[in-house]
């Protein structure tokens, strides 16, 4: 499960996360997402608190342009640093990986420019022994995750349900890729038309 962090005081985040950890126990992974809200110094301070709770990853703690800050954070903590939702080029991912600024890559197929650049990023991450956990669009990412050996997690956000005729199959906590040709998404074009703005 993923929880937003970035309360004004670090102890507020810690207390909320402690309550969640106590409620779910040690067998569930808890990720935290800061949505680029912190400085490097603050992220380093909070990561030290998060380590005590065995947080699975610390997502987007700093602005995406701050590769050096992410590198400083990654080298200061045992909590994996996850980035990618707000990175839009293969070259920018390369910079993160070459400098050790990312422990988990969250490449988004719609934001990085499509399937080909997504696969380039996934293979690049594999070359650096880094896992991928794509951002959003689970219906597209499920097949892509099945195509690479370093996929870790598939984010479950069913936001396309309002405009599709089918849903991604989930069995035993795992997303299954569609067996039909194409992307595996059956669009409801009437629903799409209903959402058009003139």
N, C-alpha and C. Protein backbone atom coordinates (compact mmCIF):
# COMPACT_ATOMS: atom_id res chain seq x y z
N UNK A 1 0.83 -1.17 0.00
CA UNK A 1 0.00 0.00 0.00
C UNK A 1 0.88 1.24 0.00
N UNK A 2 0.32 2.32 -0.53
CA UNK A 2 1.08 3.55 -0.64
C UNK A 2 0.36 4.66 0.11
N UNK A 3 1.14 5.46 0.84
CA UNK A 3 0.59 6.52 1.67
C UNK A 3 1.32 7.82 1.34
N UNK A 4 0.57 8.90 1.26
CA UNK A 4 1.17 10.21 1.04
C UNK A 4 1.86 10.68 2.32
N UNK A 5 3.01 11.32 2.17
CA UNK A 5 3.72 11.93 3.28
C UNK A 5 4.06 13.36 2.90
N UNK A 6 4.51 14.12 3.90
CA UNK A 6 4.86 15.51 3.66
C UNK A 6 4.12 16.46 4.58
N UNK A 7 3.69 15.94 5.73
CA UNK A 7 3.04 16.80 6.73
C UNK A 7 4.04 17.87 7.18
N UNK A 8 3.54 18.98 7.72
CA UNK A 8 4.45 20.06 8.13
C UNK A 8 5.54 19.61 9.11
N UNK A 9 5.24 18.67 9.98
CA UNK A 9 6.21 18.19 10.95
C UNK A 9 6.49 16.71 10.71
N UNK A 10 7.75 16.34 10.77
CA UNK A 10 8.15 14.96 10.49
C UNK A 10 7.46 13.96 11.41
N UNK A 11 7.26 14.33 12.68
CA UNK A 11 6.65 13.40 13.61
C UNK A 11 5.21 13.06 13.21
N UNK A 12 4.53 13.97 12.49
CA UNK A 12 3.16 13.68 12.03
C UNK A 12 3.18 12.53 11.02
N UNK A 13 4.11 12.58 10.08
CA UNK A 13 4.25 11.48 9.12
C UNK A 13 4.60 10.19 9.85
N UNK A 14 5.55 10.29 10.78
CA UNK A 14 6.00 9.10 11.49
C UNK A 14 4.86 8.45 12.27
N UNK A 15 4.08 9.25 12.98
CA UNK A 15 2.99 8.71 13.79
C UNK A 15 1.92 8.05 12.92
N UNK A 16 1.60 8.67 11.79
CA UNK A 16 0.62 8.07 10.87
C UNK A 16 1.14 6.74 10.33
N UNK A 17 2.40 6.72 9.91
CA UNK A 17 2.98 5.50 9.36
C UNK A 17 3.14 4.42 10.42
N UNK A 18 3.46 4.81 11.63
CA UNK A 18 3.56 3.84 12.73
C UNK A 18 2.20 3.19 12.97
N UNK A 19 1.13 3.98 12.94
CA UNK A 19 -0.22 3.43 13.14
C UNK A 19 -0.56 2.43 12.03
N UNK A 20 -0.17 2.76 10.80
CA UNK A 20 -0.43 1.84 9.68
C UNK A 20 0.39 0.57 9.85
N UNK A 21 1.68 0.72 10.17
CA UNK A 21 2.55 -0.45 10.35
C UNK A 21 1.99 -1.36 11.45
N UNK A 22 1.54 -0.78 12.54
CA UNK A 22 0.98 -1.59 13.63
C UNK A 22 -0.31 -2.28 13.19
N UNK A 23 -1.09 -1.61 12.35
CA UNK A 23 -2.36 -2.19 11.89
C UNK A 23 -2.17 -3.33 10.89
N UNK A 24 -1.19 -3.20 9.99
CA UNK A 24 -1.02 -4.21 8.93
C UNK A 24 0.06 -5.23 9.23
N UNK A 25 0.90 -4.96 10.21
CA UNK A 25 1.95 -5.89 10.57
C UNK A 25 3.17 -5.79 9.67
N UNK A 26 4.08 -6.73 9.84
CA UNK A 26 5.35 -6.70 9.13
C UNK A 26 5.33 -7.35 7.76
N UNK A 27 4.24 -8.01 7.40
CA UNK A 27 4.22 -8.78 6.15
C UNK A 27 3.70 -7.99 4.96
N UNK A 28 3.27 -6.75 5.18
CA UNK A 28 2.77 -5.93 4.08
C UNK A 28 3.77 -4.82 3.78
N UNK A 29 4.03 -4.60 2.50
CA UNK A 29 4.92 -3.52 2.09
C UNK A 29 4.17 -2.19 2.17
N UNK A 30 4.82 -1.20 2.76
CA UNK A 30 4.27 0.16 2.83
C UNK A 30 5.22 1.07 2.08
N UNK A 31 4.69 1.74 1.08
CA UNK A 31 5.45 2.72 0.33
C UNK A 31 4.97 4.11 0.75
N UNK A 32 5.84 5.11 0.64
CA UNK A 32 5.43 6.48 0.91
C UNK A 32 5.74 7.35 -0.30
N UNK A 33 4.86 8.32 -0.56
CA UNK A 33 4.97 9.19 -1.73
C UNK A 33 4.92 10.64 -1.26
N UNK A 34 5.97 11.38 -1.52
CA UNK A 34 6.05 12.78 -1.08
C UNK A 34 5.70 13.77 -2.18
N UNK A 35 5.46 13.31 -3.39
CA UNK A 35 5.07 14.19 -4.50
C UNK A 35 5.96 15.42 -4.65
N UNK A 36 7.29 15.20 -4.62
CA UNK A 36 8.27 16.25 -4.88
C UNK A 36 8.18 17.43 -3.91
N UNK A 37 7.80 17.17 -2.67
CA UNK A 37 7.49 18.25 -1.74
C UNK A 37 8.62 18.64 -0.80
N UNK A 38 9.78 17.98 -0.87
CA UNK A 38 10.80 18.21 0.15
C UNK A 38 12.11 18.71 -0.44
N UNK A 39 12.91 19.27 0.43
CA UNK A 39 14.31 19.56 0.11
C UNK A 39 15.10 18.28 0.37
N UNK A 40 16.34 18.23 -0.10
CA UNK A 40 17.17 17.06 0.16
C UNK A 40 17.40 16.88 1.66
N UNK A 41 17.65 17.97 2.36
CA UNK A 41 17.91 17.88 3.80
C UNK A 41 16.71 17.31 4.54
N UNK A 42 15.52 17.78 4.19
CA UNK A 42 14.31 17.28 4.85
C UNK A 42 14.04 15.83 4.49
N UNK A 43 14.24 15.46 3.25
CA UNK A 43 14.03 14.07 2.83
C UNK A 43 15.00 13.13 3.54
N UNK A 44 16.24 13.56 3.72
CA UNK A 44 17.23 12.74 4.43
C UNK A 44 16.80 12.56 5.89
N UNK A 45 16.31 13.63 6.49
CA UNK A 45 15.85 13.56 7.89
C UNK A 45 14.65 12.62 8.03
N UNK A 46 13.69 12.73 7.10
CA UNK A 46 12.49 11.87 7.19
C UNK A 46 12.82 10.42 6.86
N UNK A 47 13.71 10.22 5.92
CA UNK A 47 14.08 8.83 5.58
C UNK A 47 14.66 8.12 6.79
N UNK A 48 15.40 8.84 7.63
CA UNK A 48 15.94 8.23 8.85
C UNK A 48 14.82 7.76 9.76
N UNK A 49 13.74 8.51 9.82
CA UNK A 49 12.57 8.07 10.61
C UNK A 49 11.88 6.88 9.95
N UNK A 50 11.75 6.95 8.62
CA UNK A 50 11.04 5.89 7.90
C UNK A 50 11.76 4.55 7.99
N UNK A 51 13.09 4.59 8.10
CA UNK A 51 13.86 3.35 8.21
C UNK A 51 13.38 2.50 9.39
N UNK A 52 13.01 3.15 10.48
CA UNK A 52 12.57 2.44 11.69
C UNK A 52 11.29 1.65 11.44
N UNK A 53 10.53 2.03 10.41
CA UNK A 53 9.24 1.40 10.12
C UNK A 53 9.31 0.42 8.96
N UNK A 54 10.52 0.17 8.46
CA UNK A 54 10.73 -0.74 7.34
C UNK A 54 9.89 -0.35 6.12
N UNK A 55 9.97 0.93 5.76
CA UNK A 55 9.24 1.44 4.60
C UNK A 55 9.87 0.85 3.34
N UNK A 56 9.02 0.41 2.41
CA UNK A 56 9.49 -0.29 1.21
C UNK A 56 10.14 0.63 0.20
N UNK A 57 9.58 1.83 0.02
CA UNK A 57 10.23 2.84 -0.81
C UNK A 57 9.75 4.23 -0.45
N UNK A 58 10.59 5.22 -0.80
CA UNK A 58 10.33 6.64 -0.59
C UNK A 58 10.22 7.24 -1.99
N UNK A 59 8.99 7.59 -2.38
CA UNK A 59 8.71 8.00 -3.77
C UNK A 59 8.70 9.51 -3.93
N UNK A 60 9.35 9.96 -5.00
CA UNK A 60 9.37 11.37 -5.39
C UNK A 60 9.55 12.32 -4.22
N UNK A 61 10.59 12.13 -3.43
CA UNK A 61 10.77 13.03 -2.29
C UNK A 61 11.14 14.46 -2.70
N UNK A 62 11.88 14.59 -3.81
CA UNK A 62 12.39 15.89 -4.25
C UNK A 62 11.88 16.21 -5.65
N UNK A 63 12.02 17.45 -6.09
CA UNK A 63 11.68 17.76 -7.48
C UNK A 63 12.47 16.86 -8.44
N UNK A 64 11.84 16.45 -9.52
CA UNK A 64 12.45 15.50 -10.46
C UNK A 64 13.75 16.01 -11.05
N UNK A 65 13.94 17.32 -11.13
CA UNK A 65 15.16 17.89 -11.70
C UNK A 65 16.36 17.74 -10.76
N UNK A 66 16.11 17.46 -9.49
CA UNK A 66 17.17 17.44 -8.49
C UNK A 66 17.81 16.05 -8.40
N UNK A 67 18.57 15.70 -9.42
CA UNK A 67 19.25 14.41 -9.44
C UNK A 67 20.29 14.33 -8.33
N UNK A 68 21.04 15.40 -8.13
CA UNK A 68 22.08 15.40 -7.09
C UNK A 68 21.48 15.22 -5.71
N UNK A 69 20.35 15.86 -5.45
CA UNK A 69 19.68 15.71 -4.16
C UNK A 69 19.19 14.28 -3.95
N UNK A 70 18.65 13.67 -5.00
CA UNK A 70 18.23 12.28 -4.91
C UNK A 70 19.42 11.35 -4.65
N UNK A 71 20.56 11.67 -5.28
CA UNK A 71 21.75 10.86 -5.06
C UNK A 71 22.21 10.96 -3.61
N UNK A 72 22.20 12.18 -3.06
CA UNK A 72 22.57 12.37 -1.65
C UNK A 72 21.62 11.59 -0.73
N UNK A 73 20.34 11.68 -1.03
CA UNK A 73 19.35 10.95 -0.23
C UNK A 73 19.58 9.45 -0.32
N UNK A 74 19.71 8.94 -1.54
CA UNK A 74 19.88 7.48 -1.74
C UNK A 74 21.11 6.96 -1.01
N UNK A 75 22.18 7.77 -0.97
CA UNK A 75 23.41 7.30 -0.32
C UNK A 75 23.34 7.42 1.20
N UNK A 76 22.30 8.09 1.71
CA UNK A 76 22.22 8.32 3.16
C UNK A 76 21.23 7.40 3.87
N UNK A 77 20.51 6.57 3.12
CA UNK A 77 19.43 5.79 3.73
C UNK A 77 19.39 4.36 3.20
N UNK A 78 18.76 3.49 3.97
CA UNK A 78 18.50 2.13 3.49
C UNK A 78 17.14 2.02 2.83
N UNK A 79 16.32 3.08 2.90
CA UNK A 79 15.01 3.08 2.25
C UNK A 79 15.22 3.32 0.75
N UNK A 80 14.76 2.40 -0.10
CA UNK A 80 14.92 2.62 -1.55
C UNK A 80 14.21 3.89 -2.01
N UNK A 81 14.87 4.61 -2.90
CA UNK A 81 14.31 5.85 -3.45
C UNK A 81 13.69 5.53 -4.81
N UNK A 82 12.40 5.85 -4.95
CA UNK A 82 11.66 5.57 -6.18
C UNK A 82 11.37 6.86 -6.93
N UNK A 83 11.67 6.86 -8.22
CA UNK A 83 11.43 8.04 -9.07
C UNK A 83 10.96 7.59 -10.44
N UNK A 84 10.34 8.51 -11.16
CA UNK A 84 10.02 8.23 -12.55
C UNK A 84 8.71 8.80 -13.04
N UNK A 85 7.76 8.99 -12.16
CA UNK A 85 6.45 9.51 -12.56
C UNK A 85 6.58 10.83 -13.30
N UNK A 86 7.55 11.65 -12.90
CA UNK A 86 7.72 12.98 -13.48
C UNK A 86 9.01 13.10 -14.29
N UNK A 87 9.47 11.98 -14.83
CA UNK A 87 10.65 11.97 -15.70
C UNK A 87 10.17 11.57 -17.10
N UNK A 88 10.56 12.36 -18.10
CA UNK A 88 9.95 12.26 -19.41
C UNK A 88 10.90 11.85 -20.53
N UNK A 89 12.13 11.43 -20.19
CA UNK A 89 13.04 11.02 -21.26
C UNK A 89 13.95 9.89 -20.79
N UNK A 90 14.38 9.09 -21.74
CA UNK A 90 15.30 8.00 -21.45
C UNK A 90 16.60 8.56 -20.87
N UNK A 91 17.07 9.67 -21.42
CA UNK A 91 18.32 10.27 -20.96
C UNK A 91 18.26 10.71 -19.51
N UNK A 92 17.13 11.24 -19.08
CA UNK A 92 16.99 11.67 -17.69
C UNK A 92 17.01 10.45 -16.76
N UNK A 93 16.37 9.36 -17.17
CA UNK A 93 16.46 8.12 -16.39
C UNK A 93 17.91 7.63 -16.32
N UNK A 94 18.62 7.72 -17.45
CA UNK A 94 20.02 7.30 -17.47
C UNK A 94 20.84 8.09 -16.45
N UNK A 95 20.59 9.40 -16.36
CA UNK A 95 21.32 10.23 -15.41
C UNK A 95 21.06 9.76 -13.97
N UNK A 96 19.81 9.47 -13.64
CA UNK A 96 19.48 8.95 -12.31
C UNK A 96 20.21 7.64 -12.03
N UNK A 97 20.18 6.74 -12.99
CA UNK A 97 20.78 5.42 -12.78
C UNK A 97 22.30 5.49 -12.71
N UNK A 98 22.91 6.26 -13.57
CA UNK A 98 24.38 6.37 -13.58
C UNK A 98 24.92 6.96 -12.29
N UNK A 99 24.17 7.85 -11.66
CA UNK A 99 24.66 8.50 -10.44
C UNK A 99 24.19 7.80 -9.17
N UNK A 100 23.41 6.73 -9.30
CA UNK A 100 22.92 6.01 -8.12
C UNK A 100 21.83 6.76 -7.38
N UNK A 101 21.09 7.60 -8.09
CA UNK A 101 20.06 8.43 -7.46
C UNK A 101 18.70 7.75 -7.39
N UNK A 102 18.56 6.56 -7.99
CA UNK A 102 17.26 5.86 -7.98
C UNK A 102 17.47 4.39 -7.66
N UNK A 103 16.66 3.90 -6.74
CA UNK A 103 16.68 2.48 -6.38
C UNK A 103 15.57 1.71 -7.08
N UNK A 104 14.50 2.42 -7.43
CA UNK A 104 13.35 1.84 -8.12
C UNK A 104 12.90 2.86 -9.16
N UNK A 105 12.65 2.39 -10.38
CA UNK A 105 12.26 3.26 -11.49
C UNK A 105 10.76 3.09 -11.76
N UNK A 106 10.04 4.21 -11.76
CA UNK A 106 8.59 4.20 -11.97
C UNK A 106 8.23 4.81 -13.32
N UNK A 107 8.81 4.28 -14.35
CA UNK A 107 8.59 4.82 -15.69
C UNK A 107 7.12 4.68 -16.08
N UNK A 108 6.58 5.73 -16.69
CA UNK A 108 5.17 5.80 -17.12
C UNK A 108 5.13 5.82 -18.64
N UNK A 109 4.50 4.81 -19.23
CA UNK A 109 4.47 4.66 -20.69
C UNK A 109 3.87 5.88 -21.39
N UNK A 110 2.87 6.51 -20.79
CA UNK A 110 2.23 7.66 -21.42
C UNK A 110 3.09 8.91 -21.32
N UNK A 111 3.92 8.99 -20.31
CA UNK A 111 4.72 10.20 -20.09
C UNK A 111 6.10 10.12 -20.72
N UNK A 112 6.63 8.91 -20.91
CA UNK A 112 7.98 8.78 -21.46
C UNK A 112 7.97 8.71 -22.98
N UNK A 113 6.79 8.64 -23.57
CA UNK A 113 6.70 8.69 -25.04
C UNK A 113 6.26 7.42 -25.72
N UNK A 114 5.76 6.44 -24.97
CA UNK A 114 5.23 5.23 -25.60
C UNK A 114 5.97 3.97 -25.19
N UNK A 115 5.61 2.89 -25.85
CA UNK A 115 6.11 1.57 -25.50
C UNK A 115 7.61 1.42 -25.75
N UNK A 116 8.10 1.90 -26.88
CA UNK A 116 9.53 1.73 -27.19
C UNK A 116 10.42 2.43 -26.17
N UNK A 117 10.20 3.72 -25.85
CA UNK A 117 11.05 4.33 -24.83
C UNK A 117 10.85 3.71 -23.45
N UNK A 118 9.63 3.24 -23.15
CA UNK A 118 9.39 2.56 -21.87
C UNK A 118 10.29 1.32 -21.77
N UNK A 119 10.32 0.54 -22.83
CA UNK A 119 11.16 -0.67 -22.83
C UNK A 119 12.64 -0.30 -22.73
N UNK A 120 13.05 0.78 -23.37
CA UNK A 120 14.45 1.22 -23.26
C UNK A 120 14.79 1.54 -21.81
N UNK A 121 13.89 2.24 -21.11
CA UNK A 121 14.13 2.57 -19.70
C UNK A 121 14.15 1.31 -18.85
N UNK A 122 13.23 0.39 -19.10
CA UNK A 122 13.19 -0.86 -18.32
C UNK A 122 14.49 -1.65 -18.50
N UNK A 123 14.98 -1.73 -19.73
CA UNK A 123 16.22 -2.46 -19.98
C UNK A 123 17.43 -1.72 -19.41
N UNK A 124 17.40 -0.41 -19.49
CA UNK A 124 18.46 0.40 -18.89
C UNK A 124 18.51 0.15 -17.37
N UNK A 125 17.34 0.17 -16.73
CA UNK A 125 17.28 -0.11 -15.29
C UNK A 125 17.81 -1.50 -15.00
N UNK A 126 17.45 -2.47 -15.83
CA UNK A 126 17.95 -3.84 -15.64
C UNK A 126 19.48 -3.88 -15.70
N UNK A 127 20.06 -3.10 -16.60
CA UNK A 127 21.53 -3.07 -16.73
C UNK A 127 22.19 -2.54 -15.46
N UNK A 128 21.46 -1.73 -14.70
CA UNK A 128 21.97 -1.20 -13.44
C UNK A 128 21.46 -2.01 -12.24
N UNK A 129 20.83 -3.16 -12.50
CA UNK A 129 20.28 -4.03 -11.46
C UNK A 129 19.25 -3.29 -10.61
N UNK A 130 18.38 -2.52 -11.26
CA UNK A 130 17.34 -1.74 -10.61
C UNK A 130 15.98 -2.24 -11.09
N UNK A 131 15.05 -2.37 -10.16
CA UNK A 131 13.70 -2.83 -10.49
C UNK A 131 12.85 -1.68 -11.02
N UNK A 132 11.80 -2.05 -11.74
CA UNK A 132 10.82 -1.06 -12.20
C UNK A 132 9.47 -1.36 -11.55
N UNK A 133 8.74 -0.29 -11.29
CA UNK A 133 7.38 -0.37 -10.76
C UNK A 133 6.62 0.76 -11.42
N UNK A 134 6.07 0.53 -12.62
CA UNK A 134 5.53 1.62 -13.42
C UNK A 134 4.43 2.42 -12.73
N UNK A 135 4.36 3.67 -13.12
CA UNK A 135 3.38 4.60 -12.58
C UNK A 135 2.10 4.54 -13.39
N UNK A 136 0.93 4.32 -12.68
CA UNK A 136 -0.39 4.49 -13.29
C UNK A 136 -0.62 3.53 -14.47
N UNK A 137 -1.70 3.70 -15.18
CA UNK A 137 -2.08 2.97 -16.40
C UNK A 137 -1.78 1.46 -16.32
N UNK A 138 -2.32 0.83 -15.29
CA UNK A 138 -2.06 -0.60 -15.07
C UNK A 138 -2.48 -1.44 -16.26
N UNK A 139 -3.53 -0.99 -16.97
CA UNK A 139 -4.01 -1.76 -18.12
C UNK A 139 -2.97 -1.85 -19.23
N UNK A 140 -2.17 -0.81 -19.40
CA UNK A 140 -1.09 -0.83 -20.37
C UNK A 140 0.17 -1.47 -19.79
N UNK A 141 0.45 -1.16 -18.55
CA UNK A 141 1.70 -1.62 -17.94
C UNK A 141 1.73 -3.10 -17.61
N UNK A 142 0.58 -3.75 -17.46
CA UNK A 142 0.61 -5.16 -17.08
C UNK A 142 1.34 -6.00 -18.13
N UNK A 143 1.07 -5.77 -19.40
CA UNK A 143 1.75 -6.52 -20.45
C UNK A 143 3.23 -6.16 -20.53
N UNK A 144 3.54 -4.89 -20.34
CA UNK A 144 4.93 -4.47 -20.37
C UNK A 144 5.72 -5.08 -19.22
N UNK A 145 5.11 -5.15 -18.04
CA UNK A 145 5.79 -5.78 -16.89
C UNK A 145 6.06 -7.25 -17.16
N UNK A 146 5.16 -7.89 -17.89
CA UNK A 146 5.36 -9.31 -18.21
C UNK A 146 6.49 -9.50 -19.22
N UNK A 147 6.87 -8.42 -19.91
CA UNK A 147 7.88 -8.52 -20.97
C UNK A 147 9.30 -8.26 -20.49
N UNK A 148 9.46 -7.85 -19.22
CA UNK A 148 10.79 -7.55 -18.71
C UNK A 148 11.03 -8.31 -17.40
N UNK A 149 12.28 -8.67 -17.12
CA UNK A 149 12.56 -9.47 -15.93
C UNK A 149 12.66 -8.69 -14.63
N UNK A 150 12.73 -7.36 -14.70
CA UNK A 150 12.97 -6.57 -13.50
C UNK A 150 11.75 -5.81 -12.99
N UNK A 151 10.53 -6.27 -13.39
CA UNK A 151 9.31 -5.65 -12.87
C UNK A 151 9.09 -6.07 -11.42
N UNK A 152 8.76 -5.12 -10.59
CA UNK A 152 8.60 -5.36 -9.16
C UNK A 152 7.14 -5.30 -8.74
N UNK A 153 6.49 -4.19 -9.02
CA UNK A 153 5.10 -3.97 -8.65
C UNK A 153 4.37 -3.32 -9.81
N UNK A 154 3.05 -3.55 -9.86
CA UNK A 154 2.15 -2.90 -10.82
C UNK A 154 1.18 -2.08 -9.99
N UNK A 155 1.19 -0.77 -10.20
CA UNK A 155 0.32 0.11 -9.43
C UNK A 155 -1.14 -0.11 -9.82
N UNK A 156 -2.00 -0.32 -8.83
CA UNK A 156 -3.42 -0.58 -9.10
C UNK A 156 -4.23 0.68 -8.86
N UNK A 157 -4.54 1.37 -9.95
CA UNK A 157 -5.41 2.55 -9.92
C UNK A 157 -6.43 2.37 -11.04
N UNK A 158 -7.65 1.95 -10.72
CA UNK A 158 -8.64 1.62 -11.76
C UNK A 158 -9.35 2.83 -12.35
N UNK A 159 -8.62 3.86 -12.75
CA UNK A 159 -9.23 5.08 -13.25
C UNK A 159 -9.80 4.96 -14.66
N UNK A 160 -9.39 3.96 -15.42
CA UNK A 160 -9.92 3.83 -16.79
C UNK A 160 -11.24 3.06 -16.84
N UNK A 161 -11.71 2.56 -15.72
CA UNK A 161 -12.94 1.75 -15.72
C UNK A 161 -14.12 2.48 -16.34
N UNK A 162 -14.18 3.78 -16.20
CA UNK A 162 -15.31 4.55 -16.72
C UNK A 162 -15.33 4.59 -18.25
N UNK A 163 -14.20 4.28 -18.90
CA UNK A 163 -14.14 4.39 -20.36
C UNK A 163 -13.68 3.10 -21.04
N UNK A 164 -13.74 1.98 -20.31
CA UNK A 164 -13.38 0.69 -20.90
C UNK A 164 -14.51 -0.31 -20.70
N UNK A 165 -14.53 -1.32 -21.56
CA UNK A 165 -15.56 -2.36 -21.47
C UNK A 165 -15.07 -3.60 -20.71
N UNK A 166 -13.80 -3.64 -20.42
CA UNK A 166 -13.26 -4.79 -19.71
C UNK A 166 -12.31 -4.30 -18.62
N UNK A 167 -12.00 -5.19 -17.70
CA UNK A 167 -11.08 -4.85 -16.62
C UNK A 167 -9.89 -5.80 -16.64
N UNK A 168 -8.78 -5.31 -16.13
CA UNK A 168 -7.62 -6.16 -15.99
C UNK A 168 -7.93 -7.26 -14.98
N UNK A 169 -7.52 -8.47 -15.30
CA UNK A 169 -7.74 -9.59 -14.39
C UNK A 169 -6.67 -9.61 -13.32
N UNK A 170 -7.11 -9.75 -12.07
CA UNK A 170 -6.20 -9.87 -10.94
C UNK A 170 -6.48 -11.20 -10.27
N UNK A 171 -5.45 -12.02 -10.14
CA UNK A 171 -5.58 -13.32 -9.50
C UNK A 171 -4.46 -13.50 -8.50
N UNK A 172 -4.82 -13.83 -7.27
CA UNK A 172 -3.85 -14.04 -6.19
C UNK A 172 -2.91 -12.84 -6.04
N UNK A 173 -3.46 -11.64 -6.18
CA UNK A 173 -2.67 -10.44 -6.00
C UNK A 173 -1.78 -10.07 -7.17
N UNK A 174 -1.96 -10.75 -8.31
CA UNK A 174 -1.13 -10.47 -9.49
C UNK A 174 -2.00 -10.07 -10.67
N UNK A 175 -1.54 -9.05 -11.39
CA UNK A 175 -2.23 -8.64 -12.61
C UNK A 175 -1.86 -9.59 -13.74
N UNK A 176 -2.85 -10.00 -14.50
CA UNK A 176 -2.60 -10.91 -15.62
C UNK A 176 -2.74 -10.14 -16.93
N UNK A 177 -1.79 -10.31 -17.81
CA UNK A 177 -1.85 -9.67 -19.13
C UNK A 177 -2.95 -10.30 -19.96
N UNK A 178 -3.62 -9.49 -20.76
CA UNK A 178 -4.68 -10.00 -21.63
C UNK A 178 -4.07 -10.88 -22.71
N UNK A 179 -4.83 -11.88 -23.15
CA UNK A 179 -4.34 -12.78 -24.19
C UNK A 179 -4.77 -12.32 -25.58
N UNK A 180 -5.66 -11.34 -25.67
CA UNK A 180 -6.13 -10.83 -26.96
C UNK A 180 -5.03 -9.99 -27.61
N UNK A 181 -5.05 -9.90 -28.94
CA UNK A 181 -4.05 -9.07 -29.63
C UNK A 181 -4.17 -7.61 -29.21
N UNK A 182 -3.10 -6.89 -29.36
CA UNK A 182 -3.11 -5.46 -29.06
C UNK A 182 -2.72 -5.18 -27.63
N UNK A 183 -3.21 -4.07 -27.12
CA UNK A 183 -2.84 -3.63 -25.78
C UNK A 183 -3.67 -4.28 -24.69
N UNK A 184 -4.74 -4.96 -25.06
CA UNK A 184 -5.58 -5.61 -24.07
C UNK A 184 -6.61 -4.68 -23.45
N UNK A 185 -6.83 -3.54 -24.07
CA UNK A 185 -7.82 -2.58 -23.56
C UNK A 185 -8.96 -2.50 -24.56
N UNK A 186 -10.17 -2.74 -24.09
CA UNK A 186 -11.35 -2.61 -24.93
C UNK A 186 -12.05 -1.30 -24.55
N UNK A 187 -11.82 -0.27 -25.36
CA UNK A 187 -12.37 1.05 -25.06
C UNK A 187 -13.88 1.08 -25.25
N UNK A 188 -14.58 1.80 -24.39
CA UNK A 188 -16.00 2.06 -24.52
C UNK A 188 -16.12 3.42 -25.20
N UNK A 189 -16.20 3.41 -26.52
CA UNK A 189 -16.17 4.66 -27.28
C UNK A 189 -17.37 5.54 -27.00
N UNK A 190 -18.52 4.94 -26.65
CA UNK A 190 -19.69 5.75 -26.27
C UNK A 190 -19.40 6.52 -24.98
N UNK A 191 -18.78 5.87 -24.02
CA UNK A 191 -18.42 6.54 -22.77
C UNK A 191 -17.40 7.64 -23.02
N UNK A 192 -16.45 7.40 -23.92
CA UNK A 192 -15.46 8.42 -24.27
C UNK A 192 -16.18 9.61 -24.90
N UNK A 193 -17.10 9.35 -25.84
CA UNK A 193 -17.85 10.43 -26.48
C UNK A 193 -18.65 11.25 -25.46
N UNK A 194 -19.21 10.58 -24.46
CA UNK A 194 -19.98 11.27 -23.44
C UNK A 194 -19.13 12.25 -22.63
N UNK A 195 -17.84 12.03 -22.60
CA UNK A 195 -16.95 12.89 -21.82
C UNK A 195 -16.33 14.03 -22.65
N UNK A 196 -16.64 14.07 -23.94
CA UNK A 196 -16.08 15.12 -24.80
C UNK A 196 -16.58 16.50 -24.36
N UNK A 197 -15.70 17.47 -24.47
CA UNK A 197 -16.05 18.85 -24.17
C UNK A 197 -16.05 19.61 -25.49
N UNK A 198 -17.16 20.25 -25.77
CA UNK A 198 -17.31 20.97 -27.06
C UNK A 198 -16.55 22.27 -27.05
